[in-house]
PDB file of N, CA and C in Angstrom:
ATOM      1  N   MET A   1       1.109  -1.159  -0.022  1.00  0.00           N
ATOM      2  CA  MET A   1       0.001  -0.150   0.225  1.00  0.00           C
ATOM      3  C   MET A   1       0.746   1.302  -0.007  1.00  0.00           C
ATOM      4  N   SER A   2       0.221   2.180  -0.691  1.00  0.00           N
ATOM      5  CA  SER A   2       1.320   3.329  -0.873  1.00  0.00           C
ATOM      6  C   SER A   2       0.693   4.552   0.091  1.00  0.00           C
ATOM      7  N   LYS A   3       1.621   5.642   0.428  1.00  0.00           N
ATOM      8  CA  LYS A   3       0.804   6.463   1.384  1.00  0.00           C
ATOM      9  C   LYS A   3       1.576   7.646   0.535  1.00  0.00           C
ATOM     10  N   ARG A   4       0.757   8.682   0.445  1.00  0.00           N
ATOM     11  CA  ARG A   4       1.269   9.862  -0.087  1.00  0.00           C
ATOM     12  C   ARG A   4       1.753  10.886   1.124  1.00  0.00           C
ATOM     13  N   VAL A   5       3.180  11.365   0.742  1.00  0.00           N
ATOM     14  CA  VAL A   5       4.018  11.988   1.786  1.00  0.00           C
ATOM     15  C   VAL A   5       4.759  13.151   1.381  1.00  0.00           C
ATOM     16  N   THR A   6       4.647  14.140   1.899  1.00  0.00           N
ATOM     17  CA  THR A   6       5.246  15.267   1.515  1.00  0.00           C
ATOM     18  C   THR A   6       6.620  15.632   2.000  1.00  0.00           C
ATOM     19  N   VAL A   7       7.784  15.715   1.223  1.00  0.00           N
ATOM     20  CA  VAL A   7       8.880  15.834   2.083  1.00  0.00           C
ATOM     21  C   VAL A   7       9.944  16.991   1.139  1.00  0.00           C
ATOM     22  N   MET A   8      10.854  17.525   1.928  1.00  0.00           N
ATOM     23  CA  MET A   8      11.749  18.501   1.409  1.00  0.00           C
ATOM     24  C   MET A   8      12.884  17.905   1.051  1.00  0.00           C
ATOM     25  N   ILE A   9      13.341  17.854  -0.067  1.00  0.00           N
ATOM     26  CA  ILE A   9      14.778  17.277  -0.308  1.00  0.00           C
ATOM     27  C   ILE A   9      15.822  18.124  -1.015  1.00  0.00           C
ATOM     28  N   GLN A  10      16.958  17.960  -0.383  1.00  0.00           N
ATOM     29  CA  GLN A  10      17.928  19.168  -0.854  1.00  0.00           C
ATOM     30  C   GLN A  10      18.328  19.005  -2.237  1.00  0.00           C
ATOM     31  N   ASP A  11      18.816  20.065  -2.948  1.00  0.00           N
ATOM     32  CA  ASP A  11      19.414  19.999  -4.188  1.00  0.00           C
ATOM     33  C   ASP A  11      20.313  18.750  -4.494  1.00  0.00           C
ATOM     34  N   ASP A  12      21.302  18.794  -3.779  1.00  0.00           N
ATOM     35  CA  ASP A  12      22.349  17.520  -4.244  1.00  0.00           C
ATOM     36  C   ASP A  12      21.666  16.277  -4.092  1.00  0.00           C
ATOM     37  N   LEU A  13      20.770  16.109  -3.088  1.00  0.00           N
ATOM     38  CA  LEU A  13      19.941  14.769  -2.986  1.00  0.00           C
ATOM     39  C   LEU A  13      18.850  14.426  -4.239  1.00  0.00           C
ATOM     40  N   ASP A  14      18.510  15.602  -4.695  1.00  0.00           N
ATOM     41  CA  ASP A  14      17.788  15.364  -5.659  1.00  0.00           C
ATOM     42  C   ASP A  14      18.530  15.111  -7.158  1.00  0.00           C
ATOM     43  N   LYS A  15      19.621  15.557  -7.290  1.00  0.00           N
ATOM     44  CA  LYS A  15      20.184  15.370  -8.312  1.00  0.00           C
ATOM     45  C   LYS A  15      20.797  13.833  -8.463  1.00  0.00           C
ATOM     46  N   LYS A  16      21.059  13.489  -7.322  1.00  0.00           N
ATOM     47  CA  LYS A  16      21.400  11.832  -7.161  1.00  0.00           C
ATOM     48  C   LYS A  16      20.505  11.140  -7.450  1.00  0.00           C
ATOM     49  N   ILE A  17      19.054  11.455  -6.861  1.00  0.00           N
ATOM     50  CA  ILE A  17      18.180  10.437  -7.338  1.00  0.00           C
ATOM     51  C   ILE A  17      17.452  10.531  -8.553  1.00  0.00           C
ATOM     52  N   ARG A  18      17.649  11.550  -9.017  1.00  0.00           N
ATOM     53  CA  ARG A  18      17.442  11.603 -10.701  1.00  0.00           C
ATOM     54  C   ARG A  18      18.296  10.892 -11.379  1.00  0.00           C
ATOM     55  N   HIS A  19      19.409  10.867 -11.012  1.00  0.00           N
ATOM     56  CA  HIS A  19      20.588  10.404 -11.903  1.00  0.00           C
ATOM     57  C   HIS A  19      20.293   8.805 -11.465  1.00  0.00           C
ATOM     58  N   TYR A  20      19.960   8.251 -10.321  1.00  0.00           N
ATOM     59  CA  TYR A  20      19.498   6.762 -10.119  1.00  0.00           C
ATOM     60  C   TYR A  20      18.547   6.612 -11.299  1.00  0.00           C
ATOM     61  N   GLN A  21      17.504   7.634 -11.205  1.00  0.00           N
ATOM     62  CA  GLN A  21      16.184   6.987 -11.818  1.00  0.00           C
ATOM     63  C   GLN A  21      16.675   7.118 -13.219  1.00  0.00           C
ATOM     64  N   SER A  22      17.488   7.851 -13.763  1.00  0.00           N
ATOM     65  CA  SER A  22      17.850   8.054 -15.410  1.00  0.00           C
ATOM     66  C   SER A  22      18.618   6.774 -15.401  1.00  0.00           C
ATOM     67  N   LYS A  23      19.381   5.937 -14.711  1.00  0.00           N
ATOM     68  CA  LYS A  23      19.962   4.981 -14.886  1.00  0.00           C
ATOM     69  C   LYS A  23      19.200   3.682 -15.099  1.00  0.00           C
ATOM     70  N   MET A  24      18.219   3.890 -14.066  1.00  0.00           N
ATOM     71  CA  MET A  24      17.211   2.697 -14.156  1.00  0.00           C
ATOM     72  C   MET A  24      16.358   2.398 -15.579  1.00  0.00           C
ATOM     73  N   ILE A  25      15.933   3.821 -15.754  1.00  0.00           N
ATOM     74  CA  ILE A  25      15.255   3.837 -17.025  1.00  0.00           C
ATOM     75  C   ILE A  25      15.859   3.462 -18.018  1.00  0.00           C
ATOM     76  N   GLN A  26      17.202   3.650 -18.232  1.00  0.00           N
ATOM     77  CA  GLN A  26      18.091   3.018 -19.410  1.00  0.00           C
ATOM     78  C   GLN A  26      18.184   1.652 -19.398  1.00  0.00           C
ATOM     79  N   LYS A  27      18.561   0.977 -17.867  1.00  0.00           N
ATOM     80  CA  LYS A  27      18.574  -0.139 -17.833  1.00  0.00           C
ATOM     81  C   LYS A  27      17.325  -1.243 -17.761  1.00  0.00           C
ATOM     82  N   GLU A  28      16.067  -0.557 -17.428  1.00  0.00           N
ATOM     83  CA  GLU A  28      14.827  -1.114 -17.763  1.00  0.00           C
ATOM     84  C   GLU A  28      14.203  -1.051 -19.198  1.00  0.00           C
ATOM     85  N   ASN A  29      14.735  -0.090 -19.748  1.00  0.00           N
ATOM     86  CA  ASN A  29      14.350   0.368 -21.084  1.00  0.00           C
ATOM     87  C   ASN A  29      12.930   0.840 -21.349  1.00  0.00           C
ATOM     88  N   SER A  30      12.321   1.454 -19.684  1.00  0.00           N
ATOM     89  CA  SER A  30      10.857   1.583 -19.552  1.00  0.00           C
ATOM     90  C   SER A  30      10.584   2.921 -18.771  1.00  0.00           C
ATOM     91  N   THR A  31       9.826   3.151 -18.256  1.00  0.00           N
ATOM     92  CA  THR A  31       9.546   4.359 -17.417  1.00  0.00           C
ATOM     93  C   THR A  31       9.929   4.006 -16.062  1.00  0.00           C
ATOM     94  N   TYR A  32      10.297   4.762 -15.262  1.00  0.00           N
ATOM     95  CA  TYR A  32      10.794   4.555 -14.018  1.00  0.00           C
ATOM     96  C   TYR A  32      10.453   5.744 -13.232  1.00  0.00           C
ATOM     97  N   SER A  33       9.373   5.858 -12.230  1.00  0.00           N
ATOM     98  CA  SER A  33       8.999   6.928 -11.382  1.00  0.00           C
ATOM     99  C   SER A  33      10.039   7.643 -10.271  1.00  0.00           C
ATOM    100  N   TYR A  34       9.808   8.860 -10.136  1.00  0.00           N
ATOM    101  CA  TYR A  34      10.772   9.175  -8.953  1.00  0.00           C
ATOM    102  C   TYR A  34      10.523   8.855  -7.711  1.00  0.00           C
ATOM    103  N   SER A  35       9.184   8.534  -7.681  1.00  0.00           N
ATOM    104  CA  SER A  35       8.657   7.802  -6.244  1.00  0.00           C
ATOM    105  C   SER A  35       9.201   6.412  -6.143  1.00  0.00           C
ATOM    106  N   LYS A  36       9.149   5.620  -7.294  1.00  0.00           N
ATOM    107  CA  LYS A  36      10.068   4.470  -7.292  1.00  0.00           C
ATOM    108  C   LYS A  36      11.476   4.378  -6.927  1.00  0.00           C
ATOM    109  N   ALA A  37      12.161   5.459  -7.640  1.00  0.00           N
ATOM    110  CA  ALA A  37      13.473   5.553  -7.306  1.00  0.00           C
ATOM    111  C   ALA A  37      13.596   5.825  -5.752  1.00  0.00           C
ATOM    112  N   VAL A  38      13.146   6.911  -5.155  1.00  0.00           N
ATOM    113  CA  VAL A  38      12.861   7.228  -3.916  1.00  0.00           C
ATOM    114  C   VAL A  38      12.908   5.945  -2.838  1.00  0.00           C
ATOM    115  N   ASN A  39      11.757   5.242  -3.192  1.00  0.00           N
ATOM    116  CA  ASN A  39      11.653   3.954  -2.439  1.00  0.00           C
ATOM    117  C   ASN A  39      12.553   3.221  -2.300  1.00  0.00           C
ATOM    118  N   ASP A  40      13.259   2.952  -3.682  1.00  0.00           N
ATOM    119  CA  ASP A  40      14.364   1.950  -3.903  1.00  0.00           C
ATOM    120  C   ASP A  40      15.703   2.442  -2.987  1.00  0.00           C
ATOM    121  N   LEU A  41      15.928   3.503  -3.280  1.00  0.00           N
ATOM    122  CA  LEU A  41      16.881   3.914  -2.341  1.00  0.00           C
ATOM    123  C   LEU A  41      16.763   3.968  -0.854  1.00  0.00           C
ATOM    124  N   LEU A  42      15.642   4.408  -0.522  1.00  0.00           N
ATOM    125  CA  LEU A  42      15.394   4.255   1.059  1.00  0.00           C
ATOM    126  C   LEU A  42      15.562   2.751   1.352  1.00  0.00           C
ATOM    127  N   ARG A  43      14.909   1.648   0.743  1.00  0.00           N
ATOM    128  CA  ARG A  43      15.092   0.309   1.273  1.00  0.00           C
ATOM    129  C   ARG A  43      16.695  -0.044   1.126  1.00  0.00           C
ATOM    130  N   LYS A  44      17.360   0.437   0.586  1.00  0.00           N
ATOM    131  CA  LYS A  44      18.833   0.253   0.253  1.00  0.00           C
ATOM    132  C   LYS A  44      19.383   0.832   1.687  1.00  0.00           C
ATOM    133  N   ALA A  45      18.828   1.947   2.128  1.00  0.00           N
ATOM    134  CA  ALA A  45      19.626   2.421   3.223  1.00  0.00           C
ATOM    135  C   ALA A  45      18.991   2.347   4.484  1.00  0.00           C
ATOM    136  N   ILE A  46      17.654   1.493   4.337  1.00  0.00           N
ATOM    137  CA  ILE A  46      17.234   1.328   5.792  1.00  0.00           C
ATOM    138  C   ILE A  46      17.377  -0.169   6.087  1.00  0.00           C
TER     139      ILE A  46
END
């Protein structure tokens, strides 16, 4: 289940998340949402 949450992300982290998102789009040759990228990165870190 997904939950809508608003967070403030600093510019340097946003750049890293978007870079990860870009890599995943190329890897999967498909769309890859910003939210999915954030969730993936949070799962790896926690």
